[in-house]
Amino acid sequence: MNKVYIIGGRAYNISSPSIRKFSLAGKEFQTEEIATGVNSFREIFDGMEKETLCKALSCLISGDLSLADDLSHGEKQELIEPLCTIYTESEKAFKRMSRIAESVCMLTAKPKNG
C-alpha cells in the first residue's frame, strides 16, 4: 500500500506500517473505550476522540507523535479514511498470511501412508 491523503490541506504519503508502528498506534488506542457491537473499523474510529486518531495516525505514518499537531488541523473524517484503509489492507494481508501458514502446516503435518 502506498497512497497519498490530504488531511487539513496537507498531503501525507501513507505506506504499509511496520509492526512497530502498529504497536505504537495501539498504545494510543488504549486510551479509548471501544463500544460493543461495532462491525467495522469505521464504526470503531467514529467513536474515538479526534486527538486519539491524530496520535495513532502520526504513529502509523512517522513512527512517533511528531505529526499529531499537524494532523489535528484536518477534519475527523479526513483522519478516519486513511486509518480505515490501513487497517482494512492489513487485515486482508494477515488473512492471506494465515491461509498460507495453514497450507504449509498441512503439507508438513500429513502422515505418511505406507
N, C-alpha and C. Protein backbone atom coordinates (compact mmCIF):
# COMPACT_ATOMS: atom_id res chain seq x y z
N MET A 1 0.84 -1.17 0.00
CA MET A 1 0.00 0.00 0.00
C MET A 1 0.89 1.24 0.00
N ASN A 2 0.59 2.17 -0.85
CA ASN A 2 1.27 3.45 -0.90
C ASN A 2 0.28 4.45 -1.47
N LYS A 3 -0.33 5.25 -0.58
CA LYS A 3 -1.36 6.19 -1.01
C LYS A 3 -1.09 7.56 -0.41
N VAL A 4 -1.61 8.57 -1.07
CA VAL A 4 -1.49 9.93 -0.58
C VAL A 4 -2.87 10.40 -0.13
N TYR A 5 -2.91 10.97 1.08
CA TYR A 5 -4.16 11.51 1.63
C TYR A 5 -3.95 12.98 1.95
N ILE A 6 -5.00 13.77 1.70
CA ILE A 6 -4.98 15.18 2.05
C ILE A 6 -5.70 15.32 3.38
N ILE A 7 -4.98 15.81 4.38
CA ILE A 7 -5.53 15.99 5.72
C ILE A 7 -5.20 17.41 6.16
N GLY A 8 -6.23 18.20 6.40
CA GLY A 8 -6.02 19.58 6.80
C GLY A 8 -5.28 20.40 5.77
N GLY A 9 -5.47 20.07 4.49
CA GLY A 9 -4.83 20.81 3.41
C GLY A 9 -3.40 20.39 3.11
N ARG A 10 -2.89 19.40 3.82
CA ARG A 10 -1.53 18.92 3.59
C ARG A 10 -1.58 17.49 3.08
N ALA A 11 -0.63 17.15 2.23
CA ALA A 11 -0.56 15.80 1.66
C ALA A 11 0.34 14.92 2.52
N TYR A 12 -0.13 13.70 2.78
CA TYR A 12 0.64 12.73 3.55
C TYR A 12 0.73 11.44 2.75
N ASN A 13 1.94 10.98 2.53
CA ASN A 13 2.16 9.71 1.86
C ASN A 13 2.09 8.61 2.91
N ILE A 14 1.18 7.68 2.73
CA ILE A 14 0.98 6.63 3.71
C ILE A 14 1.27 5.28 3.06
N SER A 15 2.24 4.59 3.63
CA SER A 15 2.59 3.26 3.14
C SER A 15 2.26 2.25 4.23
N SER A 16 2.42 0.98 3.92
CA SER A 16 2.10 -0.07 4.88
C SER A 16 2.99 0.08 6.12
N PRO A 17 2.37 0.21 7.29
CA PRO A 17 3.14 0.40 8.52
C PRO A 17 3.84 -0.89 8.97
N SER A 18 4.91 -0.71 9.71
CA SER A 18 5.63 -1.83 10.31
C SER A 18 4.88 -2.30 11.56
N ILE A 19 5.28 -3.45 12.07
CA ILE A 19 4.68 -3.96 13.31
C ILE A 19 4.95 -2.97 14.45
N ARG A 20 6.12 -2.38 14.46
CA ARG A 20 6.47 -1.40 15.49
C ARG A 20 5.49 -0.22 15.46
N LYS A 21 5.20 0.28 14.25
CA LYS A 21 4.27 1.41 14.13
C LYS A 21 2.86 1.01 14.56
N PHE A 22 2.43 -0.21 14.22
CA PHE A 22 1.12 -0.69 14.68
C PHE A 22 1.08 -0.75 16.20
N SER A 23 2.18 -1.19 16.80
CA SER A 23 2.26 -1.28 18.25
C SER A 23 2.13 0.10 18.90
N LEU A 24 2.83 1.08 18.34
CA LEU A 24 2.75 2.44 18.87
C LEU A 24 1.33 3.01 18.74
N ALA A 25 0.72 2.78 17.60
CA ALA A 25 -0.66 3.25 17.40
C ALA A 25 -1.60 2.55 18.37
N GLY A 26 -1.37 1.27 18.58
CA GLY A 26 -2.20 0.51 19.52
C GLY A 26 -2.16 1.08 20.92
N LYS A 27 -0.99 1.57 21.32
CA LYS A 27 -0.86 2.19 22.65
C LYS A 27 -1.73 3.45 22.74
N GLU A 28 -1.81 4.19 21.65
CA GLU A 28 -2.67 5.39 21.64
C GLU A 28 -4.15 5.01 21.69
N PHE A 29 -4.50 3.93 21.02
CA PHE A 29 -5.90 3.49 21.03
C PHE A 29 -6.33 2.96 22.40
N GLN A 30 -5.39 2.55 23.23
CA GLN A 30 -5.72 2.01 24.54
C GLN A 30 -6.43 3.02 25.43
N THR A 31 -6.29 4.30 25.12
CA THR A 31 -6.94 5.33 25.94
C THR A 31 -8.44 5.41 25.66
N GLU A 32 -8.88 4.76 24.61
CA GLU A 32 -10.28 4.83 24.19
C GLU A 32 -11.07 3.58 24.57
N GLU A 33 -12.30 3.79 24.88
CA GLU A 33 -13.23 2.70 25.14
C GLU A 33 -13.88 2.33 23.80
N ILE A 34 -13.81 1.06 23.42
CA ILE A 34 -14.42 0.64 22.15
C ILE A 34 -15.79 0.05 22.46
N ALA A 35 -16.80 0.62 21.84
CA ALA A 35 -18.17 0.18 22.08
C ALA A 35 -18.37 -1.26 21.63
N THR A 36 -19.22 -1.98 22.33
CA THR A 36 -19.54 -3.34 21.92
C THR A 36 -20.51 -3.30 20.74
N GLY A 37 -20.44 -4.30 19.91
CA GLY A 37 -21.36 -4.41 18.78
C GLY A 37 -20.94 -3.63 17.55
N VAL A 38 -19.73 -3.09 17.52
CA VAL A 38 -19.29 -2.39 16.31
C VAL A 38 -18.86 -3.43 15.28
N ASN A 39 -19.14 -3.14 14.02
CA ASN A 39 -18.93 -4.12 12.96
C ASN A 39 -17.87 -3.73 11.94
N SER A 40 -17.26 -2.58 12.11
CA SER A 40 -16.27 -2.16 11.11
C SER A 40 -15.25 -1.23 11.76
N PHE A 41 -14.13 -1.09 11.07
CA PHE A 41 -13.12 -0.16 11.54
C PHE A 41 -13.69 1.25 11.59
N ARG A 42 -14.51 1.61 10.59
CA ARG A 42 -15.10 2.96 10.55
C ARG A 42 -15.91 3.23 11.81
N GLU A 43 -16.71 2.27 12.24
CA GLU A 43 -17.51 2.45 13.46
C GLU A 43 -16.62 2.61 14.69
N ILE A 44 -15.54 1.85 14.72
CA ILE A 44 -14.60 1.97 15.85
C ILE A 44 -14.00 3.37 15.88
N PHE A 45 -13.48 3.83 14.74
CA PHE A 45 -12.82 5.13 14.69
C PHE A 45 -13.80 6.29 14.87
N ASP A 46 -15.03 6.15 14.39
CA ASP A 46 -16.04 7.19 14.58
C ASP A 46 -16.28 7.45 16.06
N GLY A 47 -16.16 6.41 16.87
CA GLY A 47 -16.41 6.55 18.30
C GLY A 47 -15.24 7.06 19.11
N MET A 48 -14.14 7.36 18.45
CA MET A 48 -12.94 7.81 19.15
C MET A 48 -12.79 9.32 19.08
N GLU A 49 -12.03 9.84 20.04
CA GLU A 49 -11.72 11.26 20.06
C GLU A 49 -10.76 11.61 18.92
N LYS A 50 -10.91 12.80 18.38
CA LYS A 50 -10.07 13.25 17.28
C LYS A 50 -8.59 13.25 17.68
N GLU A 51 -8.28 13.65 18.91
CA GLU A 51 -6.89 13.68 19.37
C GLU A 51 -6.25 12.29 19.32
N THR A 52 -7.01 11.28 19.72
CA THR A 52 -6.50 9.91 19.67
C THR A 52 -6.22 9.50 18.24
N LEU A 53 -7.13 9.84 17.33
CA LEU A 53 -6.95 9.50 15.92
C LEU A 53 -5.70 10.18 15.37
N CYS A 54 -5.47 11.43 15.73
CA CYS A 54 -4.29 12.17 15.28
C CYS A 54 -3.01 11.49 15.77
N LYS A 55 -2.98 11.12 17.04
CA LYS A 55 -1.79 10.50 17.60
C LYS A 55 -1.54 9.13 16.97
N ALA A 56 -2.60 8.33 16.83
CA ALA A 56 -2.44 6.99 16.24
C ALA A 56 -1.98 7.09 14.79
N LEU A 57 -2.58 7.98 14.01
CA LEU A 57 -2.20 8.12 12.61
C LEU A 57 -0.77 8.63 12.49
N SER A 58 -0.37 9.53 13.37
CA SER A 58 1.01 10.01 13.37
C SER A 58 1.97 8.84 13.61
N CYS A 59 1.62 7.97 14.56
CA CYS A 59 2.46 6.79 14.83
C CYS A 59 2.55 5.88 13.60
N LEU A 60 1.43 5.71 12.91
CA LEU A 60 1.40 4.83 11.74
C LEU A 60 2.18 5.41 10.56
N ILE A 61 2.20 6.74 10.44
CA ILE A 61 2.90 7.39 9.33
C ILE A 61 4.39 7.54 9.64
N SER A 62 4.70 8.12 10.81
CA SER A 62 6.09 8.50 11.09
C SER A 62 6.76 7.67 12.18
N GLY A 63 6.00 6.87 12.91
CA GLY A 63 6.59 6.08 13.97
C GLY A 63 6.74 6.83 15.28
N ASP A 64 6.16 8.03 15.34
CA ASP A 64 6.18 8.81 16.58
C ASP A 64 5.01 9.80 16.55
N LEU A 65 4.97 10.70 17.53
CA LEU A 65 3.86 11.66 17.63
C LEU A 65 4.16 13.00 16.94
N SER A 66 5.22 13.05 16.14
CA SER A 66 5.65 14.31 15.55
C SER A 66 4.64 14.96 14.61
N LEU A 67 3.74 14.18 14.03
CA LEU A 67 2.76 14.73 13.09
C LEU A 67 1.39 15.01 13.73
N ALA A 68 1.23 14.66 15.00
CA ALA A 68 -0.09 14.75 15.64
C ALA A 68 -0.67 16.17 15.58
N ASP A 69 0.15 17.19 15.87
CA ASP A 69 -0.36 18.57 15.83
C ASP A 69 -0.78 18.98 14.43
N ASP A 70 0.04 18.63 13.42
CA ASP A 70 -0.31 18.95 12.03
C ASP A 70 -1.59 18.24 11.62
N LEU A 71 -1.72 16.98 12.00
CA LEU A 71 -2.91 16.21 11.64
C LEU A 71 -4.17 16.76 12.30
N SER A 72 -4.01 17.42 13.43
CA SER A 72 -5.18 17.95 14.16
C SER A 72 -5.89 19.07 13.39
N HIS A 73 -5.24 19.61 12.36
CA HIS A 73 -5.87 20.65 11.53
C HIS A 73 -6.88 20.05 10.55
N GLY A 74 -6.87 18.74 10.40
CA GLY A 74 -7.80 18.08 9.49
C GLY A 74 -9.13 17.78 10.16
N GLU A 75 -10.12 17.49 9.36
CA GLU A 75 -11.43 17.07 9.87
C GLU A 75 -11.33 15.63 10.34
N LYS A 76 -12.21 15.26 11.24
CA LYS A 76 -12.18 13.90 11.78
C LYS A 76 -12.31 12.86 10.67
N GLN A 77 -13.17 13.10 9.70
CA GLN A 77 -13.35 12.14 8.61
C GLN A 77 -12.10 12.01 7.74
N GLU A 78 -11.31 13.10 7.65
CA GLU A 78 -10.06 13.03 6.90
C GLU A 78 -9.06 12.11 7.61
N LEU A 79 -9.18 11.99 8.91
CA LEU A 79 -8.32 11.09 9.69
C LEU A 79 -8.81 9.65 9.61
N ILE A 80 -10.11 9.50 9.61
CA ILE A 80 -10.71 8.16 9.63
C ILE A 80 -10.44 7.42 8.32
N GLU A 81 -10.49 8.12 7.19
CA GLU A 81 -10.28 7.47 5.89
C GLU A 81 -8.96 6.71 5.81
N PRO A 82 -7.81 7.35 6.07
CA PRO A 82 -6.56 6.60 5.98
C PRO A 82 -6.46 5.50 7.04
N LEU A 83 -7.00 5.75 8.23
CA LEU A 83 -6.97 4.71 9.27
C LEU A 83 -7.75 3.48 8.82
N CYS A 84 -8.91 3.69 8.25
CA CYS A 84 -9.71 2.56 7.74
C CYS A 84 -8.95 1.81 6.65
N THR A 85 -8.33 2.55 5.75
CA THR A 85 -7.57 1.92 4.67
C THR A 85 -6.41 1.10 5.22
N ILE A 86 -5.65 1.68 6.14
CA ILE A 86 -4.50 0.99 6.72
C ILE A 86 -4.93 -0.31 7.38
N TYR A 87 -5.95 -0.24 8.23
CA TYR A 87 -6.35 -1.43 8.98
C TYR A 87 -7.07 -2.45 8.11
N THR A 88 -7.84 -2.01 7.13
CA THR A 88 -8.51 -2.95 6.22
C THR A 88 -7.49 -3.68 5.36
N GLU A 89 -6.53 -2.95 4.81
CA GLU A 89 -5.48 -3.57 3.99
C GLU A 89 -4.65 -4.55 4.82
N SER A 90 -4.34 -4.17 6.04
CA SER A 90 -3.55 -5.04 6.91
C SER A 90 -4.33 -6.30 7.29
N GLU A 91 -5.62 -6.13 7.53
CA GLU A 91 -6.45 -7.29 7.85
C GLU A 91 -6.44 -8.29 6.70
N LYS A 92 -6.55 -7.79 5.47
CA LYS A 92 -6.50 -8.66 4.29
C LYS A 92 -5.16 -9.39 4.21
N ALA A 93 -4.08 -8.66 4.46
CA ALA A 93 -2.74 -9.26 4.40
C ALA A 93 -2.58 -10.33 5.47
N PHE A 94 -3.07 -10.08 6.68
CA PHE A 94 -2.96 -11.06 7.76
C PHE A 94 -3.78 -12.30 7.46
N LYS A 95 -4.95 -12.13 6.86
CA LYS A 95 -5.77 -13.29 6.49
C LYS A 95 -5.06 -14.12 5.43
N ARG A 96 -4.45 -13.44 4.47
CA ARG A 96 -3.71 -14.13 3.42
C ARG A 96 -2.53 -14.89 4.01
N MET A 97 -1.79 -14.27 4.93
CA MET A 97 -0.66 -14.94 5.58
C MET A 97 -1.13 -16.13 6.40
N SER A 98 -2.28 -15.99 7.02
CA SER A 98 -2.82 -17.09 7.83
C SER A 98 -3.16 -18.29 6.95
N ARG A 99 -3.75 -18.03 5.78
CA ARG A 99 -4.07 -19.13 4.85
C ARG A 99 -2.80 -19.81 4.35
N ILE A 100 -1.77 -19.03 4.06
CA ILE A 100 -0.50 -19.60 3.61
C ILE A 100 0.11 -20.44 4.71
N ALA A 101 0.12 -19.93 5.94
CA ALA A 101 0.68 -20.69 7.06
C ALA A 101 -0.08 -21.99 7.28
N GLU A 102 -1.39 -21.93 7.15
CA GLU A 102 -2.21 -23.14 7.30
C GLU A 102 -1.87 -24.16 6.21
N SER A 103 -1.69 -23.69 4.98
CA SER A 103 -1.33 -24.59 3.88
C SER A 103 0.02 -25.24 4.12
N VAL A 104 0.98 -24.47 4.59
CA VAL A 104 2.30 -25.02 4.89
C VAL A 104 2.21 -26.05 6.01
N CYS A 105 1.43 -25.76 7.03
CA CYS A 105 1.26 -26.71 8.14
C CYS A 105 0.63 -28.01 7.64
N MET A 106 -0.32 -27.90 6.74
CA MET A 106 -0.98 -29.10 6.21
C MET A 106 0.01 -29.94 5.39
N LEU A 107 0.92 -29.29 4.69
CA LEU A 107 1.92 -30.01 3.91
C LEU A 107 2.88 -30.77 4.82
N THR A 108 3.28 -30.14 5.89
CA THR A 108 4.27 -30.77 6.78
C THR A 108 3.64 -31.71 7.78
N ALA A 109 2.34 -31.63 8.00
CA ALA A 109 1.70 -32.43 9.04
C ALA A 109 1.02 -33.70 8.49
N LYS A 110 1.07 -33.90 7.18
CA LYS A 110 0.41 -35.07 6.61
C LYS A 110 1.15 -36.35 7.02
N PRO A 111 0.42 -37.33 7.53
CA PRO A 111 1.08 -38.60 7.88
C PRO A 111 1.45 -39.38 6.62
N LYS A 112 2.53 -40.14 6.73
CA LYS A 112 2.96 -40.96 5.61
C LYS A 112 2.11 -42.21 5.58
N ASN A 113 1.72 -42.59 4.38
CA ASN A 113 0.98 -43.85 4.21
C ASN A 113 1.97 -44.91 3.78
N GLY A 114 1.96 -45.95 4.54
CA GLY A 114 2.74 -46.94 3.97
C GLY A 114 3.55 -47.84 4.71
